[in-house]
Amino acid sequence: MLITASELKGNIGKYLDTAYHEDVFVTRKGKVIAKISNPASDKAALLDSLVGVAAGVDMTHEEIRAGRLARK
């Protein structure tokens, strides 16, 4: 969703609720200046992109996480 900074100021609660389900991009003078998103979905997308780095390794997301946590 694309909104102006003025629209965000007037309806912040509405767009925070919207950000739970989809990214909200805020513009000023026609240029995107901010992105409001759900941090949980960003983490899941990041993990999905990193799993491909270990090509040929047959591990689930949970196994990768458990291995990382065991090293701490």
PDB file of N, CA and C in Angstrom:
ATOM      1  N   MET A   1       0.842  -1.159   0.000  1.00  0.00           N
ATOM      2  CA  MET A   1       0.000   0.000   0.000  1.00  0.00           C
ATOM      3  C   MET A   1       0.896   1.233   0.000  1.00  0.00           C
ATOM      4  N   LEU A   2       0.501   2.227  -0.741  1.00  0.00           N
ATOM      5  CA  LEU A   2       1.256   3.467  -0.882  1.00  0.00           C
ATOM      6  C   LEU A   2       0.402   4.623  -0.374  1.00  0.00           C
ATOM      7  N   ILE A   3       0.933   5.372   0.613  1.00  0.00           N
ATOM      8  CA  ILE A   3       0.189   6.501   1.175  1.00  0.00           C
ATOM      9  C   ILE A   3       1.118   7.699   1.329  1.00  0.00           C
ATOM     10  N   THR A   4       0.539   8.877   1.490  1.00  0.00           N
ATOM     11  CA  THR A   4       1.343  10.081   1.716  1.00  0.00           C
ATOM     12  C   THR A   4       1.618  10.246   3.209  1.00  0.00           C
ATOM     13  N   ALA A   5       2.630  11.031   3.524  1.00  0.00           N
ATOM     14  CA  ALA A   5       2.963  11.307   4.921  1.00  0.00           C
ATOM     15  C   ALA A   5       1.796  11.999   5.622  1.00  0.00           C
ATOM     16  N   SER A   6       1.104  12.883   4.934  1.00  0.00           N
ATOM     17  CA  SER A   6      -0.058  13.564   5.524  1.00  0.00           C
ATOM     18  C   SER A   6      -1.165  12.569   5.859  1.00  0.00           C
ATOM     19  N   GLU A   7      -1.400  11.615   4.973  1.00  0.00           N
ATOM     20  CA  GLU A   7      -2.404  10.583   5.211  1.00  0.00           C
ATOM     21  C   GLU A   7      -2.019   9.743   6.427  1.00  0.00           C
ATOM     22  N   LEU A   8      -0.742   9.422   6.556  1.00  0.00           N
ATOM     23  CA  LEU A   8      -0.268   8.652   7.701  1.00  0.00           C
ATOM     24  C   LEU A   8      -0.502   9.429   8.998  1.00  0.00           C
ATOM     25  N   LYS A   9      -0.171  10.721   8.996  1.00  0.00           N
ATOM     26  CA  LYS A   9      -0.360  11.535  10.195  1.00  0.00           C
ATOM     27  C   LYS A   9      -1.817  11.554  10.635  1.00  0.00           C
ATOM     28  N   GLY A  10      -2.726  11.622   9.705  1.00  0.00           N
ATOM     29  CA  GLY A  10      -4.133  11.707  10.030  1.00  0.00           C
ATOM     30  C   GLY A  10      -4.777  10.391  10.425  1.00  0.00           C
ATOM     31  N   ASN A  11      -4.149   9.280  10.047  1.00  0.00           N
ATOM     32  CA  ASN A  11      -4.763   7.964  10.276  1.00  0.00           C
ATOM     33  C   ASN A  11      -3.738   6.922  10.718  1.00  0.00           C
ATOM     34  N   ILE A  12      -2.866   7.287  11.640  1.00  0.00           N
ATOM     35  CA  ILE A  12      -1.768   6.402  12.032  1.00  0.00           C
ATOM     36  C   ILE A  12      -2.257   5.034  12.522  1.00  0.00           C
ATOM     37  N   GLY A  13      -3.307   5.013  13.312  1.00  0.00           N
ATOM     38  CA  GLY A  13      -3.811   3.743  13.837  1.00  0.00           C
ATOM     39  C   GLY A  13      -4.257   2.799  12.744  1.00  0.00           C
ATOM     40  N   LYS A  14      -4.950   3.335  11.769  1.00  0.00           N
ATOM     41  CA  LYS A  14      -5.432   2.531  10.645  1.00  0.00           C
ATOM     42  C   LYS A  14      -4.268   1.885   9.904  1.00  0.00           C
ATOM     43  N   TYR A  15      -3.207   2.655   9.669  1.00  0.00           N
ATOM     44  CA  TYR A  15      -2.085   2.117   8.893  1.00  0.00           C
ATOM     45  C   TYR A  15      -1.192   1.197   9.707  1.00  0.00           C
ATOM     46  N   LEU A  16      -1.157   1.378  11.018  1.00  0.00           N
ATOM     47  CA  LEU A  16      -0.437   0.414  11.849  1.00  0.00           C
ATOM     48  C   LEU A  16      -1.156  -0.930  11.831  1.00  0.00           C
ATOM     49  N   ASP A  17      -2.466  -0.900  11.854  1.00  0.00           N
ATOM     50  CA  ASP A  17      -3.242  -2.146  11.731  1.00  0.00           C
ATOM     51  C   ASP A  17      -3.032  -2.788  10.364  1.00  0.00           C
ATOM     52  N   THR A  18      -3.010  -1.970   9.325  1.00  0.00           N
ATOM     53  CA  THR A  18      -2.797  -2.471   7.962  1.00  0.00           C
ATOM     54  C   THR A  18      -1.424  -3.110   7.827  1.00  0.00           C
ATOM     55  N   ALA A  19      -0.418  -2.540   8.488  1.00  0.00           N
ATOM     56  CA  ALA A  19       0.952  -3.044   8.391  1.00  0.00           C
ATOM     57  C   ALA A  19       1.081  -4.459   8.947  1.00  0.00           C
ATOM     58  N   TYR A  20       0.134  -4.872   9.760  1.00  0.00           N
ATOM     59  CA  TYR A  20       0.154  -6.243  10.279  1.00  0.00           C
ATOM     60  C   TYR A  20      -0.002  -7.248   9.139  1.00  0.00           C
ATOM     61  N   HIS A  21      -0.734  -6.871   8.094  1.00  0.00           N
ATOM     62  CA  HIS A  21      -1.029  -7.781   6.988  1.00  0.00           C
ATOM     63  C   HIS A  21      -0.265  -7.482   5.708  1.00  0.00           C
ATOM     64  N   GLU A  22       0.108  -6.213   5.496  1.00  0.00           N
ATOM     65  CA  GLU A  22       0.814  -5.843   4.272  1.00  0.00           C
ATOM     66  C   GLU A  22       1.728  -4.654   4.537  1.00  0.00           C
ATOM     67  N   ASP A  23       2.746  -4.504   3.722  1.00  0.00           N
ATOM     68  CA  ASP A  23       3.667  -3.379   3.858  1.00  0.00           C
ATOM     69  C   ASP A  23       2.966  -2.079   3.483  1.00  0.00           C
ATOM     70  N   VAL A  24       3.284  -1.016   4.232  1.00  0.00           N
ATOM     71  CA  VAL A  24       2.751   0.310   3.954  1.00  0.00           C
ATOM     72  C   VAL A  24       3.942   1.205   3.617  1.00  0.00           C
ATOM     73  N   PHE A  25       3.957   1.751   2.417  1.00  0.00           N
ATOM     74  CA  PHE A  25       5.018   2.645   1.983  1.00  0.00           C
ATOM     75  C   PHE A  25       4.526   4.076   2.090  1.00  0.00           C
ATOM     76  N   VAL A  26       5.326   4.931   2.732  1.00  0.00           N
ATOM     77  CA  VAL A  26       4.949   6.322   2.957  1.00  0.00           C
ATOM     78  C   VAL A  26       5.745   7.200   1.993  1.00  0.00           C
ATOM     79  N   THR A  27       5.026   8.108   1.313  1.00  0.00           N
ATOM     80  CA  THR A  27       5.692   8.993   0.350  1.00  0.00           C
ATOM     81  C   THR A  27       5.628  10.439   0.815  1.00  0.00           C
ATOM     82  N   ARG A  28       6.606  11.192   0.362  1.00  0.00           N
ATOM     83  CA  ARG A  28       6.621  12.639   0.534  1.00  0.00           C
ATOM     84  C   ARG A  28       7.140  13.219  -0.778  1.00  0.00           C
ATOM     85  N   LYS A  29       6.389  14.132  -1.324  1.00  0.00           N
ATOM     86  CA  LYS A  29       6.737  14.757  -2.608  1.00  0.00           C
ATOM     87  C   LYS A  29       6.961  13.701  -3.691  1.00  0.00           C
ATOM     88  N   GLY A  30       6.154  12.630  -3.640  1.00  0.00           N
ATOM     89  CA  GLY A  30       6.199  11.606  -4.674  1.00  0.00           C
ATOM     90  C   GLY A  30       7.294  10.559  -4.521  1.00  0.00           C
ATOM     91  N   LYS A  31       8.111  10.652  -3.467  1.00  0.00           N
ATOM     92  CA  LYS A  31       9.188   9.684  -3.259  1.00  0.00           C
ATOM     93  C   LYS A  31       8.931   8.898  -1.983  1.00  0.00           C
ATOM     94  N   VAL A  32       9.214   7.602  -2.030  1.00  0.00           N
ATOM     95  CA  VAL A  32       9.037   6.756  -0.854  1.00  0.00           C
ATOM     96  C   VAL A  32      10.097   7.131   0.180  1.00  0.00           C
ATOM     97  N   ILE A  33       9.623   7.434   1.398  1.00  0.00           N
ATOM     98  CA  ILE A  33      10.551   7.833   2.464  1.00  0.00           C
ATOM     99  C   ILE A  33      10.564   6.851   3.629  1.00  0.00           C
ATOM    100  N   ALA A  34       9.567   5.967   3.696  1.00  0.00           N
ATOM    101  CA  ALA A  34       9.504   5.021   4.818  1.00  0.00           C
ATOM    102  C   ALA A  34       8.689   3.793   4.428  1.00  0.00           C
ATOM    103  N   LYS A  35       8.937   2.732   5.178  1.00  0.00           N
ATOM    104  CA  LYS A  35       8.181   1.490   5.014  1.00  0.00           C
ATOM    105  C   LYS A  35       7.764   1.021   6.404  1.00  0.00           C
ATOM    106  N   ILE A  36       6.488   0.746   6.570  1.00  0.00           N
ATOM    107  CA  ILE A  36       5.984   0.194   7.820  1.00  0.00           C
ATOM    108  C   ILE A  36       5.593  -1.248   7.523  1.00  0.00           C
ATOM    109  N   SER A  37       6.163  -2.186   8.289  1.00  0.00           N
ATOM    110  CA  SER A  37       5.880  -3.590   8.020  1.00  0.00           C
ATOM    111  C   SER A  37       5.834  -4.377   9.317  1.00  0.00           C
ATOM    112  N   ASN A  38       5.341  -5.577   9.233  1.00  0.00           N
ATOM    113  CA  ASN A  38       5.275  -6.497  10.357  1.00  0.00           C
ATOM    114  C   ASN A  38       6.659  -7.142  10.504  1.00  0.00           C
ATOM    115  N   PRO A  39       7.340  -6.944  11.634  1.00  0.00           N
ATOM    116  CA  PRO A  39       8.682  -7.514  11.771  1.00  0.00           C
ATOM    117  C   PRO A  39       8.712  -9.041  11.693  1.00  0.00           C
ATOM    118  N   ALA A  40       7.649  -9.692  12.089  1.00  0.00           N
ATOM    119  CA  ALA A  40       7.611 -11.159  12.015  1.00  0.00           C
ATOM    120  C   ALA A  40       7.650 -11.630  10.569  1.00  0.00           C
ATOM    121  N   SER A  41       6.933 -10.949   9.682  1.00  0.00           N
ATOM    122  CA  SER A  41       6.944 -11.367   8.279  1.00  0.00           C
ATOM    123  C   SER A  41       8.290 -11.068   7.634  1.00  0.00           C
ATOM    124  N   ASP A  42       8.955  -9.989   8.062  1.00  0.00           N
ATOM    125  CA  ASP A  42      10.282  -9.686   7.536  1.00  0.00           C
ATOM    126  C   ASP A  42      11.290 -10.762   7.932  1.00  0.00           C
ATOM    127  N   LYS A  43      11.205 -11.259   9.159  1.00  0.00           N
ATOM    128  CA  LYS A  43      12.113 -12.312   9.609  1.00  0.00           C
ATOM    129  C   LYS A  43      11.881 -13.601   8.826  1.00  0.00           C
ATOM    130  N   ALA A  44      10.627 -13.928   8.593  1.00  0.00           N
ATOM    131  CA  ALA A  44      10.319 -15.148   7.840  1.00  0.00           C
ATOM    132  C   ALA A  44      10.840 -15.048   6.416  1.00  0.00           C
ATOM    133  N   ALA A  45      10.683 -13.886   5.789  1.00  0.00           N
ATOM    134  CA  ALA A  45      11.178 -13.700   4.426  1.00  0.00           C
ATOM    135  C   ALA A  45      12.698 -13.777   4.396  1.00  0.00           C
ATOM    136  N   LEU A  46      13.361 -13.202   5.382  1.00  0.00           N
ATOM    137  CA  LEU A  46      14.818 -13.259   5.454  1.00  0.00           C
ATOM    138  C   LEU A  46      15.297 -14.694   5.615  1.00  0.00           C
ATOM    139  N   LEU A  47      14.656 -15.440   6.497  1.00  0.00           N
ATOM    140  CA  LEU A  47      15.035 -16.832   6.703  1.00  0.00           C
ATOM    141  C   LEU A  47      14.842 -17.648   5.432  1.00  0.00           C
ATOM    142  N   ASP A  48      13.733 -17.424   4.740  1.00  0.00           N
ATOM    143  CA  ASP A  48      13.501 -18.133   3.485  1.00  0.00           C
ATOM    144  C   ASP A  48      14.592 -17.839   2.470  1.00  0.00           C
ATOM    145  N   SER A  49      15.055 -16.603   2.415  1.00  0.00           N
ATOM    146  CA  SER A  49      16.097 -16.243   1.451  1.00  0.00           C
ATOM    147  C   SER A  49      17.442 -16.849   1.847  1.00  0.00           C
ATOM    148  N   LEU A  50      17.710 -16.998   3.130  1.00  0.00           N
ATOM    149  CA  LEU A  50      18.994 -17.540   3.582  1.00  0.00           C
ATOM    150  C   LEU A  50      19.059 -19.057   3.475  1.00  0.00           C
ATOM    151  N   VAL A  51      17.942 -19.724   3.571  1.00  0.00           N
ATOM    152  CA  VAL A  51      17.943 -21.187   3.494  1.00  0.00           C
ATOM    153  C   VAL A  51      18.503 -21.636   2.148  1.00  0.00           C
ATOM    154  N   GLY A  52      18.257 -20.887   1.097  1.00  0.00           N
ATOM    155  CA  GLY A  52      18.780 -21.227  -0.222  1.00  0.00           C
ATOM    156  C   GLY A  52      20.294 -21.180  -0.303  1.00  0.00           C
ATOM    157  N   VAL A  53      20.937 -20.479   0.619  1.00  0.00           N
ATOM    158  CA  VAL A  53      22.397 -20.377   0.632  1.00  0.00           C
ATOM    159  C   VAL A  53      23.013 -21.742   0.933  1.00  0.00           C
ATOM    160  N   ALA A  54      22.335 -22.537   1.719  1.00  0.00           N
ATOM    161  CA  ALA A  54      22.834 -23.856   2.088  1.00  0.00           C
ATOM    162  C   ALA A  54      22.268 -24.921   1.151  1.00  0.00           C
ATOM    163  N   ALA A  55      22.418 -24.699  -0.138  1.00  0.00           N
ATOM    164  CA  ALA A  55      21.880 -25.634  -1.130  1.00  0.00           C
ATOM    165  C   ALA A  55      22.481 -27.016  -0.933  1.00  0.00           C
ATOM    166  N   GLY A  56      21.674 -28.004  -1.073  1.00  0.00           N
ATOM    167  CA  GLY A  56      22.143 -29.380  -0.924  1.00  0.00           C
ATOM    168  C   GLY A  56      22.072 -29.881   0.500  1.00  0.00           C
ATOM    169  N   VAL A  57      21.791 -28.996   1.444  1.00  0.00           N
ATOM    170  CA  VAL A  57      21.662 -29.393   2.837  1.00  0.00           C
ATOM    171  C   VAL A  57      20.186 -29.662   3.098  1.00  0.00           C
ATOM    172  N   ASP A  58      19.894 -30.859   3.569  1.00  0.00           N
ATOM    173  CA  ASP A  58      18.502 -31.244   3.790  1.00  0.00           C
ATOM    174  C   ASP A  58      18.129 -30.981   5.246  1.00  0.00           C
ATOM    175  N   MET A  59      17.804 -29.699   5.559  1.00  0.00           N
ATOM    176  CA  MET A  59      17.441 -29.311   6.921  1.00  0.00           C
ATOM    177  C   MET A  59      16.192 -28.441   6.880  1.00  0.00           C
ATOM    178  N   THR A  60      15.397 -28.535   7.921  1.00  0.00           N
ATOM    179  CA  THR A  60      14.220 -27.687   8.033  1.00  0.00           C
ATOM    180  C   THR A  60      14.610 -26.368   8.701  1.00  0.00           C
ATOM    181  N   HIS A  61      13.706 -25.396   8.655  1.00  0.00           N
ATOM    182  CA  HIS A  61      13.937 -24.116   9.319  1.00  0.00           C
ATOM    183  C   HIS A  61      14.193 -24.328  10.811  1.00  0.00           C
ATOM    184  N   GLU A  62      13.438 -25.235  11.413  1.00  0.00           N
ATOM    185  CA  GLU A  62      13.574 -25.496  12.843  1.00  0.00           C
ATOM    186  C   GLU A  62      14.940 -26.086  13.177  1.00  0.00           C
ATOM    187  N   GLU A  63      15.435 -26.984  12.330  1.00  0.00           N
ATOM    188  CA  GLU A  63      16.751 -27.589  12.559  1.00  0.00           C
ATOM    189  C   GLU A  63      17.861 -26.560  12.411  1.00  0.00           C
ATOM    190  N   ILE A  64      17.731 -25.679  11.448  1.00  0.00           N
ATOM    191  CA  ILE A  64      18.725 -24.617  11.256  1.00  0.00           C
ATOM    192  C   ILE A  64      18.743 -23.706  12.474  1.00  0.00           C
ATOM    193  N   ARG A  65      17.550 -23.324  12.955  1.00  0.00           N
ATOM    194  CA  ARG A  65      17.456 -22.440  14.119  1.00  0.00           C
ATOM    195  C   ARG A  65      18.040 -23.118  15.355  1.00  0.00           C
ATOM    196  N   ALA A  66      17.702 -24.384  15.575  1.00  0.00           N
ATOM    197  CA  ALA A  66      18.197 -25.106  16.738  1.00  0.00           C
ATOM    198  C   ALA A  66      19.728 -25.195  16.715  1.00  0.00           C
ATOM    199  N   GLY A  67      20.287 -25.430  15.553  1.00  0.00           N
ATOM    200  CA  GLY A  67      21.738 -25.483  15.425  1.00  0.00           C
ATOM    201  C   GLY A  67      22.393 -24.151  15.729  1.00  0.00           C
ATOM    202  N   ARG A  68      21.777 -23.072  15.264  1.00  0.00           N
ATOM    203  CA  ARG A  68      22.314 -21.738  15.528  1.00  0.00           C
ATOM    204  C   ARG A  68      22.259 -21.428  17.026  1.00  0.00           C
ATOM    205  N   LEU A  69      21.151 -21.759  17.665  1.00  0.00           N
ATOM    206  CA  LEU A  69      20.989 -21.475  19.085  1.00  0.00           C
ATOM    207  C   LEU A  69      21.926 -22.330  19.940  1.00  0.00           C
ATOM    208  N   ALA A  70      22.242 -23.542  19.494  1.00  0.00           N
ATOM    209  CA  ALA A  70      23.136 -24.424  20.240  1.00  0.00           C
ATOM    210  C   ALA A  70      24.554 -23.893  20.279  1.00  0.00           C
ATOM    211  N   ARG A  71      24.931 -23.092  19.311  1.00  0.00           N
ATOM    212  CA  ARG A  71      26.291 -22.535  19.248  1.00  0.00           C
ATOM    213  C   ARG A  71      26.504 -21.380  20.211  1.00  0.00           C
ATOM    214  N   LYS A  72      25.421 -20.814  20.736  1.00  0.00           N
ATOM    215  CA  LYS A  72      25.543 -19.650  21.653  1.00  0.00           C
ATOM    216  C   LYS A  72      26.042 -20.031  23.005  1.00  0.00           C
TER     217      LYS A  72
END
